[in-house]
Amino acid sequence: NLYAEANRRQGVTGENLLRYCELRLDNVVYRAGWGSTRPQARQFVNHGHVEVNGRRVNIPSFRVRQGDVVRLRNKSRELIIDQFNMDTLGRTPPPWLDSADGGQEVTVRELPLREHIDVPVREQLIVELYSK
């Protein structure tokens, strides 16, 4: 489904596909530095520790949009694992995310560009596989 939507959109299909993957809520939580790994970030979302625009969201595949504010819920800010991740990882959010509130809130400033996505993948091969 994600490939079909990326293919329908205007622009390069591979870049659209990467952009959609990058805008998943669990990936935004990972990029913000709240989770040390993507599975851990997915678990944070599943357990309801994240709000998008003030509403609790527990669907990891939820796609954030430009201007959305993603933040940790008030009770979740006291989690030891979250504090540990933020203190020890020292991960800075990518240029398309703005960090606020001591790193416990991020805003999607703009859609990610290909040069902002540091995953070593050749998206053209993925497009060729799914286009068959």
Protein backbone atom coordinates (compact mmCIF):
# COMPACT_ATOMS: atom_id res chain seq x y z
CA ASN A 1 0.00 0.00 0.00
CA LEU A 2 2.81 2.38 0.83
CA TYR A 3 4.47 1.71 -2.53
CA ALA A 4 1.20 2.27 -4.38
CA GLU A 5 0.70 5.61 -2.67
CA ALA A 6 4.30 6.67 -3.30
CA ASN A 7 3.90 5.72 -6.95
CA ARG A 8 0.71 7.79 -7.31
CA ARG A 9 2.33 10.93 -5.91
CA GLN A 10 4.19 13.36 -8.08
CA GLY A 11 7.97 13.09 -7.95
CA VAL A 12 10.46 10.26 -7.70
CA THR A 13 8.75 7.12 -6.38
CA GLY A 14 11.75 5.93 -4.37
CA GLU A 15 12.16 9.25 -2.59
CA ASN A 16 8.43 9.40 -1.88
CA LEU A 17 8.59 5.91 -0.38
CA LEU A 18 11.51 6.84 1.88
CA ARG A 19 9.75 10.05 2.89
CA TYR A 20 6.61 8.13 3.89
CA CYS A 21 8.68 5.68 5.94
CA GLU A 22 10.50 8.58 7.60
CA LEU A 23 7.21 10.27 8.56
CA ARG A 24 5.90 7.27 10.53
CA LEU A 25 5.28 8.13 14.17
CA ASP A 26 7.56 5.40 15.50
CA ASN A 27 10.39 6.70 13.32
CA VAL A 28 9.83 10.28 14.53
CA VAL A 29 10.04 9.02 18.13
CA TYR A 30 13.30 7.26 17.24
CA ARG A 31 14.69 10.34 15.47
CA ALA A 32 13.80 12.53 18.46
CA GLY A 33 16.04 10.33 20.61
CA TRP A 34 13.30 9.02 22.90
CA GLY A 35 13.90 5.42 21.86
CA SER A 36 17.34 3.86 21.54
CA THR A 37 16.16 1.57 18.73
CA ARG A 38 13.26 1.61 16.30
CA PRO A 39 11.57 -1.37 18.02
CA GLN A 40 11.81 0.45 21.34
CA ALA A 41 10.35 3.60 19.75
CA ARG A 42 7.53 1.47 18.32
CA GLN A 43 6.84 0.11 21.81
CA PHE A 44 6.70 3.64 23.25
CA VAL A 45 4.01 4.47 20.71
CA ASN A 46 2.13 1.19 21.25
CA HIS A 47 2.00 1.79 24.99
CA GLY A 48 0.50 5.26 24.54
CA HIS A 49 3.44 7.38 25.70
CA VAL A 50 3.21 9.78 22.73
CA GLU A 51 0.83 12.61 21.79
CA VAL A 52 0.40 14.19 18.38
CA ASN A 53 -1.15 17.66 18.46
CA GLY A 54 -2.33 17.06 22.02
CA ARG A 55 -4.07 13.72 21.33
CA ARG A 56 -2.73 10.35 22.41
CA VAL A 57 -1.77 8.17 19.45
CA ASN A 58 -0.86 4.49 19.88
CA ILE A 59 -0.53 3.49 16.22
CA PRO A 60 3.15 3.23 15.19
CA SER A 61 2.37 3.57 11.48
CA PHE A 62 0.52 6.87 12.02
CA ARG A 63 1.92 9.33 9.49
CA VAL A 64 2.76 12.77 10.84
CA ARG A 65 2.36 15.81 8.65
CA GLN A 66 4.12 19.11 8.35
CA GLY A 67 3.32 21.28 11.36
CA ASP A 68 2.41 18.38 13.68
CA VAL A 69 3.68 18.61 17.25
CA VAL A 70 4.81 15.27 18.72
CA ARG A 71 5.49 15.14 22.44
CA LEU A 72 5.88 12.73 25.30
CA ARG A 73 2.86 12.57 27.59
CA ASN A 74 3.32 14.11 31.04
CA LYS A 75 3.41 10.76 32.89
CA SER A 76 5.81 9.34 30.31
CA ARG A 77 8.36 12.09 30.84
CA GLU A 78 9.29 10.47 34.15
CA LEU A 79 10.12 7.08 32.65
CA ILE A 80 13.64 6.04 33.58
CA ILE A 81 14.31 4.47 30.17
CA ASP A 82 13.32 7.65 28.36
CA GLN A 83 15.54 9.83 30.54
CA PHE A 84 18.38 7.34 30.10
CA ASN A 85 17.99 7.39 26.30
CA MET A 86 17.91 11.17 26.12
CA ASP A 87 20.95 11.52 28.41
CA THR A 88 23.18 8.81 26.99
CA LEU A 89 22.34 8.74 23.29
CA GLY A 90 22.81 12.45 22.67
CA ARG A 91 21.03 12.05 19.34
CA THR A 92 20.15 15.35 17.70
CA PRO A 93 16.95 15.49 15.66
CA PRO A 94 17.34 15.76 11.88
CA PRO A 95 16.98 19.18 10.20
CA TRP A 96 13.30 18.60 9.39
CA LEU A 97 12.39 18.32 13.09
CA ASP A 98 12.48 21.18 15.60
CA SER A 99 13.11 20.19 19.19
CA ALA A 100 11.55 22.04 22.14
CA ASP A 101 10.69 21.62 25.82
CA GLY A 102 14.05 20.16 26.75
CA GLY A 103 13.97 17.67 23.90
CA GLN A 104 10.63 16.16 24.96
CA GLU A 105 8.67 17.78 22.14
CA VAL A 106 9.38 17.93 18.41
CA THR A 107 7.63 19.76 15.60
CA VAL A 108 7.68 18.58 12.00
CA ARG A 109 9.06 21.73 10.40
CA GLU A 110 9.18 20.43 6.83
CA LEU A 111 8.98 17.19 4.90
CA PRO A 112 12.28 15.27 4.93
CA LEU A 113 14.47 15.48 1.86
CA ARG A 114 16.55 12.58 0.55
CA GLU A 115 19.77 14.09 1.91
CA HIS A 116 18.21 14.20 5.41
CA ILE A 117 17.55 10.45 5.36
CA ASP A 118 20.77 8.75 6.41
CA VAL A 119 19.61 5.16 5.98
CA PRO A 120 22.02 3.40 3.58
CA VAL A 121 19.48 2.05 1.12
CA ARG A 122 19.18 2.09 -2.64
CA GLU A 123 15.53 2.94 -3.00
CA GLN A 124 15.54 2.29 -6.75
CA LEU A 125 15.98 -1.44 -6.09
CA ILE A 126 12.92 -1.42 -3.82
CA VAL A 127 10.89 0.36 -6.48
CA GLU A 128 11.98 -2.17 -9.10
CA LEU A 129 10.93 -5.05 -6.84
CA TYR A 130 7.46 -3.67 -6.11
CA SER A 131 6.75 -2.42 -9.63
CA LYS A 132 6.58 -5.97 -11.00
